[in-house]
Amino acid sequence: MELIEIQEKAGDQLLGAACTLDAAEMPGRLREWAALRDRSIGIREIPGGVALDLDAEEPIDRVTSLVAHESDCCPFYMFTVRVEGPLRELQITAGEGREIAVRTLLGIS
């Protein structure tokens, strides 16, 4: 597996994080995250990352499967899935000062 370093766009500052996903698999995975972002009904910044508000009809098993796959190759991300009645929320963090890694994962400028 190729080690892919995630770098901050501003100044190419290394975040100290690395992804072990094969380079050939990266575009597909990023498309999956962009699709989830596009299906979200709200996006909020939170300390260290982003929270996605998901529709009540969003299949949680599909969300948790994507989270599990991402955790395998990028253990520096922290994921929290909340389900409270119709509320569905996915929090993605990478630690204070590393919000750019989460924004990059989700394709947010």
Protein backbone atom coordinates (compact mmCIF):
# COMPACT_ATOMS: atom_id res chain seq x y z
CA MET A 1 0.00 0.00 0.00
CA GLU A 2 1.15 3.47 -0.82
CA LEU A 3 1.28 5.94 2.06
CA ILE A 4 -0.49 9.16 1.11
CA GLU A 5 0.24 12.21 3.23
CA ILE A 6 -2.52 14.70 3.80
CA GLN A 7 -1.18 18.19 3.50
CA GLU A 8 -2.76 21.51 4.32
CA LYS A 9 -3.37 23.56 1.18
CA ALA A 10 -2.23 26.82 2.74
CA GLY A 11 1.53 26.61 2.80
CA ASP A 12 1.66 22.81 2.30
CA GLN A 13 2.02 22.38 6.05
CA LEU A 14 2.12 18.66 6.85
CA LEU A 15 -0.68 17.70 9.21
CA GLY A 16 1.17 14.72 10.63
CA ALA A 17 -1.42 12.35 9.24
CA ALA A 18 -1.17 9.67 6.61
CA CYS A 19 -3.69 7.58 4.70
CA THR A 20 -2.86 3.99 3.77
CA LEU A 21 -5.57 3.68 1.10
CA ASP A 22 -4.27 2.59 -2.30
CA ALA A 23 -3.90 5.60 -4.59
CA ALA A 24 -6.18 3.89 -7.14
CA GLU A 25 -8.96 3.61 -4.54
CA MET A 26 -8.72 7.23 -3.32
CA PRO A 27 -10.90 8.89 -6.04
CA GLY A 28 -13.75 6.45 -5.44
CA ARG A 29 -13.62 6.92 -1.69
CA LEU A 30 -13.59 10.70 -2.04
CA ARG A 31 -16.63 10.42 -4.33
CA GLU A 32 -18.43 8.45 -1.61
CA TRP A 33 -17.72 11.19 0.93
CA ALA A 34 -18.77 13.91 -1.51
CA ALA A 35 -22.02 12.04 -2.17
CA LEU A 36 -22.74 11.83 1.57
CA ARG A 37 -21.94 15.55 1.89
CA ASP A 38 -24.31 16.29 -1.00
CA ARG A 39 -27.10 14.24 0.60
CA SER A 40 -26.69 16.02 3.94
CA ILE A 41 -29.34 18.54 4.92
CA GLY A 42 -26.91 20.67 6.92
CA ILE A 43 -23.17 21.13 7.39
CA ARG A 44 -21.72 22.79 10.48
CA GLU A 45 -18.22 23.48 11.64
CA ILE A 46 -17.40 21.99 15.01
CA PRO A 47 -14.13 22.11 16.98
CA GLY A 48 -11.62 20.07 14.99
CA GLY A 49 -13.91 19.28 12.09
CA VAL A 50 -17.39 19.21 10.63
CA ALA A 51 -20.83 17.83 11.52
CA LEU A 52 -23.18 16.61 8.81
CA ASP A 53 -26.91 16.66 9.53
CA LEU A 54 -28.44 13.77 7.63
CA ASP A 55 -31.99 13.15 6.51
CA ALA A 56 -34.01 10.76 8.67
CA GLU A 57 -34.17 8.41 5.66
CA GLU A 58 -30.35 8.21 5.32
CA PRO A 59 -29.45 4.52 5.83
CA ILE A 60 -27.27 4.47 8.94
CA ASP A 61 -25.70 1.16 7.93
CA ARG A 62 -24.36 2.83 4.76
CA VAL A 63 -22.95 5.72 6.85
CA THR A 64 -21.32 3.42 9.40
CA SER A 65 -19.88 1.23 6.62
CA LEU A 66 -18.22 4.28 5.05
CA VAL A 67 -16.95 5.36 8.48
CA ALA A 68 -15.53 1.89 9.16
CA HIS A 69 -13.71 1.78 5.82
CA GLU A 70 -12.28 5.26 6.39
CA SER A 71 -11.16 4.34 9.90
CA ASP A 72 -9.19 1.41 8.47
CA CYS A 73 -7.00 3.61 6.28
CA CYS A 74 -7.09 6.94 8.14
CA PRO A 75 -7.11 6.30 11.89
CA PHE A 76 -6.47 9.98 12.63
CA TYR A 77 -10.13 10.77 11.88
CA MET A 78 -12.59 10.49 14.74
CA PHE A 79 -16.22 9.76 13.89
CA THR A 80 -19.33 10.13 16.03
CA VAL A 81 -22.70 8.96 14.74
CA ARG A 82 -25.78 10.20 16.61
CA VAL A 83 -29.31 8.98 16.06
CA GLU A 84 -32.02 10.58 18.17
CA GLY A 85 -35.48 9.98 16.79
CA PRO A 86 -35.46 11.53 13.32
CA LEU A 87 -32.12 13.28 13.93
CA ARG A 88 -29.12 11.77 12.15
CA GLU A 89 -25.75 13.39 12.68
CA LEU A 90 -22.22 12.45 11.71
CA GLN A 91 -19.38 14.33 13.36
CA ILE A 92 -15.96 14.02 11.74
CA THR A 93 -12.93 15.46 13.50
CA ALA A 94 -9.19 15.23 13.05
CA GLY A 95 -8.10 17.26 16.08
CA GLU A 96 -7.72 20.93 16.79
CA GLY A 97 -5.96 22.76 14.00
CA ARG A 98 -6.52 19.87 11.57
CA GLU A 99 -9.95 20.87 10.31
CA ILE A 100 -8.48 21.08 6.81
CA ALA A 101 -8.14 17.28 6.75
CA VAL A 102 -11.88 16.90 7.34
CA ARG A 103 -12.72 19.59 4.81
CA THR A 104 -10.50 17.84 2.26
CA LEU A 105 -12.17 14.48 2.93
CA LEU A 106 -15.58 16.02 2.32
CA GLY A 107 -14.49 18.18 -0.61
CA ILE A 108 -15.39 21.41 1.18
CA SER A 109 -13.44 24.52 0.17
